[in-house]
Amino acid sequence: MVAPLAAAQQTRPTTAPDDPATPRGALRTLNQAMRDGNVAAIRQLFLATTPSEARMVDADAAMAAALARLRTAAVEAYGPRGADLVTGDTDAGAADSSARIDSADVVVTGDVATVVYRDEKDSPFVLKRSGGQWKVPVTQLGKPLDPAALDERLADLVVQRKVVQELTDQIRQKKFATAEEARQAWRTRILQAATSQPTTRPVQQGP
């Protein structure tokens, strides 16, 4: 049995660690795409089955891209450590996520993969295979939103993205002398944006 197995291993193409052809590879690729703000890859790695889900993916991808541009501007202005004050240590965060993915238990049943993280054993994560690649169903991000709640969520992301873009532009224009000034400006503006947004759906009473 050893010889045929060895021959099969030699002739079968290998799969790269970050190849979406495997569940673990898909998660690692998505993790990197979110860090880098790779809009095309993010869209490719999420499985959206409705127009509403597609809108949510587009909005999240655009936000990731805006944050990546902010990180780049902050590194250019203040160096990597200074940028960490503004955006957080995104490289360390991505490395931690990769380590969690590597240590997770993955069980594949047909076109469904169940991923159980060691620190979240009661909350398994599910991927589905589509077109030969493993993807993350948008439903894994939370319960489906009703139309009004979805519009509110998307509007919030538009406002947040605008704040990020303005901050990015101002960092590039050297409006802030230090990374701490940029960080405080971001926090203040996000808070102001959150408190100034009108409520688009009625407040629900009770559970």
Protein backbone atom coordinates (compact mmCIF):
# COMPACT_ATOMS: atom_id res chain seq x y z
CA MET A 1 0.00 0.00 0.00
CA VAL A 2 2.94 2.35 0.58
CA ALA A 3 4.10 2.48 -3.05
CA PRO A 4 0.74 3.45 -4.58
CA LEU A 5 0.26 6.09 -1.88
CA ALA A 6 3.70 7.54 -2.55
CA ALA A 7 3.01 7.64 -6.29
CA ALA A 8 -0.31 9.37 -5.70
CA GLN A 9 1.38 11.97 -3.52
CA GLN A 10 3.95 12.64 -6.24
CA THR A 11 1.43 13.05 -9.06
CA ARG A 12 -1.34 14.84 -7.19
CA PRO A 13 -0.94 18.66 -7.20
CA THR A 14 -0.24 20.12 -3.81
CA THR A 15 -2.43 22.82 -2.23
CA ALA A 16 -0.86 25.99 -0.90
CA PRO A 17 -1.62 26.90 2.75
CA ASP A 18 -3.65 29.92 1.64
CA ASP A 19 -5.44 28.19 -1.24
CA PRO A 20 -9.27 28.55 -1.07
CA ALA A 21 -9.45 24.97 -2.36
CA THR A 22 -9.25 23.94 1.32
CA PRO A 23 -11.44 25.26 4.17
CA ARG A 24 -8.45 26.29 6.25
CA GLY A 25 -6.82 27.91 3.22
CA ALA A 26 -10.00 29.86 2.47
CA LEU A 27 -10.10 31.25 5.99
CA ARG A 28 -6.42 32.20 5.87
CA THR A 29 -6.91 33.88 2.50
CA LEU A 30 -9.93 35.81 3.78
CA ASN A 31 -8.00 36.85 6.87
CA GLN A 32 -5.22 38.27 4.70
CA ALA A 33 -7.68 39.89 2.27
CA MET A 34 -9.44 41.71 5.11
CA ARG A 35 -6.10 42.97 6.45
CA ASP A 36 -4.96 44.12 3.01
CA GLY A 37 -8.33 45.53 1.95
CA ASN A 38 -8.41 43.29 -1.12
CA VAL A 39 -11.96 43.97 -2.32
CA ALA A 40 -11.95 41.41 -5.14
CA ALA A 41 -10.71 38.62 -2.88
CA ILE A 42 -13.20 39.47 -0.12
CA ARG A 43 -16.08 39.34 -2.57
CA GLN A 44 -14.80 36.03 -3.92
CA LEU A 45 -14.45 34.42 -0.50
CA PHE A 46 -17.91 35.24 0.81
CA LEU A 47 -20.93 33.27 -0.36
CA ALA A 48 -23.80 35.71 -0.89
CA THR A 49 -27.06 34.10 -1.96
CA THR A 50 -29.32 37.17 -2.02
CA PRO A 51 -28.95 40.76 -3.26
CA SER A 52 -29.07 41.94 0.34
CA GLU A 53 -26.18 39.67 1.30
CA ALA A 54 -24.21 40.89 -1.72
CA ARG A 55 -24.75 44.51 -0.61
CA MET A 56 -23.44 43.63 2.83
CA VAL A 57 -20.32 41.99 1.41
CA ASP A 58 -19.65 44.99 -0.84
CA ALA A 59 -20.00 47.37 2.10
CA ASP A 60 -17.70 45.34 4.34
CA ALA A 61 -15.14 44.99 1.55
CA ALA A 62 -15.17 48.73 0.90
CA MET A 63 -14.67 49.37 4.62
CA ALA A 64 -11.75 46.95 4.75
CA ALA A 65 -10.17 48.73 1.79
CA ALA A 66 -10.61 52.12 3.48
CA LEU A 67 -8.98 50.84 6.67
CA ALA A 68 -6.07 49.40 4.68
CA ARG A 69 -5.51 52.78 3.01
CA LEU A 70 -5.58 54.43 6.44
CA ARG A 71 -2.99 51.98 7.69
CA THR A 72 -0.73 52.69 4.71
CA ALA A 73 -1.00 56.44 5.21
CA ALA A 74 -0.30 56.12 8.94
CA VAL A 75 2.78 53.95 8.35
CA GLU A 76 4.13 56.47 5.85
CA ALA A 77 3.53 59.35 8.27
CA TYR A 78 4.44 57.86 11.64
CA GLY A 79 6.16 54.54 10.99
CA PRO A 80 4.78 51.09 11.88
CA ARG A 81 4.69 51.68 15.63
CA GLY A 82 3.02 55.03 15.25
CA ALA A 83 0.51 53.49 12.86
CA ASP A 84 -0.31 50.91 15.53
CA LEU A 85 -1.62 53.76 17.68
CA VAL A 86 -3.98 54.82 14.91
CA THR A 87 -5.21 51.51 13.51
CA GLY A 88 -4.07 48.95 16.03
CA ASP A 89 -1.40 46.37 15.20
CA THR A 90 -3.08 44.87 12.15
CA ASP A 91 -0.16 42.56 11.38
CA ALA A 92 -0.27 41.09 14.88
CA GLY A 93 -4.04 40.76 14.66
CA ALA A 94 -3.79 38.92 11.35
CA ALA A 95 -1.06 36.66 12.77
CA ASP A 96 -3.24 35.81 15.78
CA SER A 97 -6.14 35.01 13.48
CA SER A 98 -3.92 32.78 11.34
CA ALA A 99 -2.73 30.93 14.43
CA ARG A 100 -6.34 30.34 15.51
CA ILE A 101 -7.17 29.02 12.05
CA ASP A 102 -4.17 26.69 12.07
CA SER A 103 -5.10 25.25 15.46
CA ALA A 104 -8.81 24.83 14.70
CA ASP A 105 -10.43 21.45 14.10
CA VAL A 106 -11.89 21.11 10.60
CA VAL A 107 -14.39 18.43 9.62
CA VAL A 108 -15.47 18.18 5.98
CA THR A 109 -18.74 16.51 5.07
CA GLY A 110 -19.41 16.76 1.37
CA ASP A 111 -19.58 20.42 0.45
CA VAL A 112 -19.84 21.62 4.05
CA ALA A 113 -16.88 22.21 6.36
CA THR A 114 -17.30 22.75 10.08
CA VAL A 115 -14.51 24.68 11.77
CA VAL A 116 -14.25 24.57 15.56
CA TYR A 117 -11.88 27.06 17.14
CA ARG A 118 -10.29 25.93 20.38
CA ASP A 119 -11.40 29.06 22.23
CA GLU A 120 -14.95 28.92 20.80
CA LYS A 121 -15.87 25.24 20.89
CA ASP A 122 -19.55 26.03 21.42
CA SER A 123 -19.72 28.22 18.30
CA PRO A 124 -18.70 26.19 15.25
CA PHE A 125 -18.02 28.08 12.03
CA VAL A 126 -19.35 26.71 8.75
CA LEU A 127 -17.97 27.07 5.23
CA LYS A 128 -19.51 25.83 2.00
CA ARG A 129 -17.86 24.69 -1.21
CA SER A 130 -19.00 26.52 -4.32
CA GLY A 131 -17.37 26.36 -7.75
CA GLY A 132 -14.48 24.31 -6.38
CA GLN A 133 -13.63 26.85 -3.70
CA TRP A 134 -14.55 27.07 -0.05
CA LYS A 135 -16.42 30.20 0.93
CA VAL A 136 -17.88 31.79 4.04
CA PRO A 137 -21.68 32.12 3.88
CA VAL A 138 -22.75 35.65 4.74
CA THR A 139 -25.16 34.11 7.25
CA GLN A 140 -22.13 33.24 9.39
CA LEU A 141 -21.69 36.95 10.11
CA GLY A 142 -24.95 37.14 12.05
CA LYS A 143 -28.67 36.82 11.77
CA PRO A 144 -30.23 38.07 8.52
CA LEU A 145 -31.27 41.70 8.75
CA ASP A 146 -34.68 42.98 7.78
CA PRO A 147 -34.65 45.61 4.99
CA ALA A 148 -34.80 48.56 7.38
CA ALA A 149 -32.03 47.19 9.60
CA LEU A 150 -29.89 46.43 6.56
CA ASP A 151 -30.31 49.97 5.23
CA GLU A 152 -29.33 51.32 8.64
CA ARG A 153 -26.27 49.10 8.81
CA LEU A 154 -25.16 50.09 5.32
CA ALA A 155 -25.72 53.78 6.07
CA ASP A 156 -23.58 53.44 9.20
CA LEU A 157 -20.78 51.88 7.16
CA VAL A 158 -20.95 54.71 4.63
CA VAL A 159 -20.55 57.26 7.42
CA GLN A 160 -17.71 55.34 9.04
CA ARG A 161 -15.96 54.91 5.71
CA LYS A 162 -16.22 58.64 5.07
CA VAL A 163 -14.62 59.37 8.44
CA VAL A 164 -11.79 56.94 7.68
CA GLN A 165 -11.20 58.46 4.26
CA GLU A 166 -11.13 62.01 5.62
CA LEU A 167 -8.66 60.95 8.30
CA THR A 168 -6.52 59.20 5.69
CA ASP A 169 -6.44 62.32 3.53
CA GLN A 170 -5.55 64.54 6.48
CA ILE A 171 -2.74 62.25 7.61
CA ARG A 172 -1.30 62.39 4.10
CA GLN A 173 -1.62 66.18 4.23
CA LYS A 174 0.27 66.16 7.56
CA LYS A 175 -2.61 67.71 9.48
CA PHE A 176 -1.64 65.80 12.63
CA ALA A 177 1.78 66.23 14.18
CA THR A 178 1.70 62.89 15.96
CA ALA A 179 0.01 59.52 15.67
CA GLU A 180 -1.70 60.17 19.00
CA GLU A 181 -3.36 63.29 17.57
CA ALA A 182 -4.62 61.26 14.61
CA ARG A 183 -5.91 58.53 16.92
CA GLN A 184 -7.81 61.00 19.08
CA ALA A 185 -9.28 62.69 16.01
CA TRP A 186 -10.54 59.34 14.71
CA ARG A 187 -12.14 58.41 18.02
CA THR A 188 -13.82 61.78 18.35
CA ARG A 189 -15.19 61.77 14.82
CA ILE A 190 -16.50 58.22 14.99
CA LEU A 191 -18.28 59.05 18.25
CA GLN A 192 -19.75 62.21 16.76
CA ALA A 193 -20.89 60.34 13.67
CA ALA A 194 -22.53 57.63 15.76
CA THR A 195 -24.45 60.08 17.93
CA SER A 196 -25.55 62.27 15.01
CA GLN A 197 -27.05 59.47 12.89
CA PRO A 198 -30.86 59.42 12.90
CA THR A 199 -32.59 56.21 13.88
CA THR A 200 -34.19 54.71 10.76
CA ARG A 201 -36.12 51.94 12.43
CA PRO A 202 -38.55 52.00 15.39
CA VAL A 203 -37.24 51.11 18.80
CA GLN A 204 -38.45 47.67 19.76
CA GLN A 205 -39.82 47.16 23.24
CA GLY A 206 -39.29 43.99 25.19
CA PRO A 207 -37.26 40.93 24.22
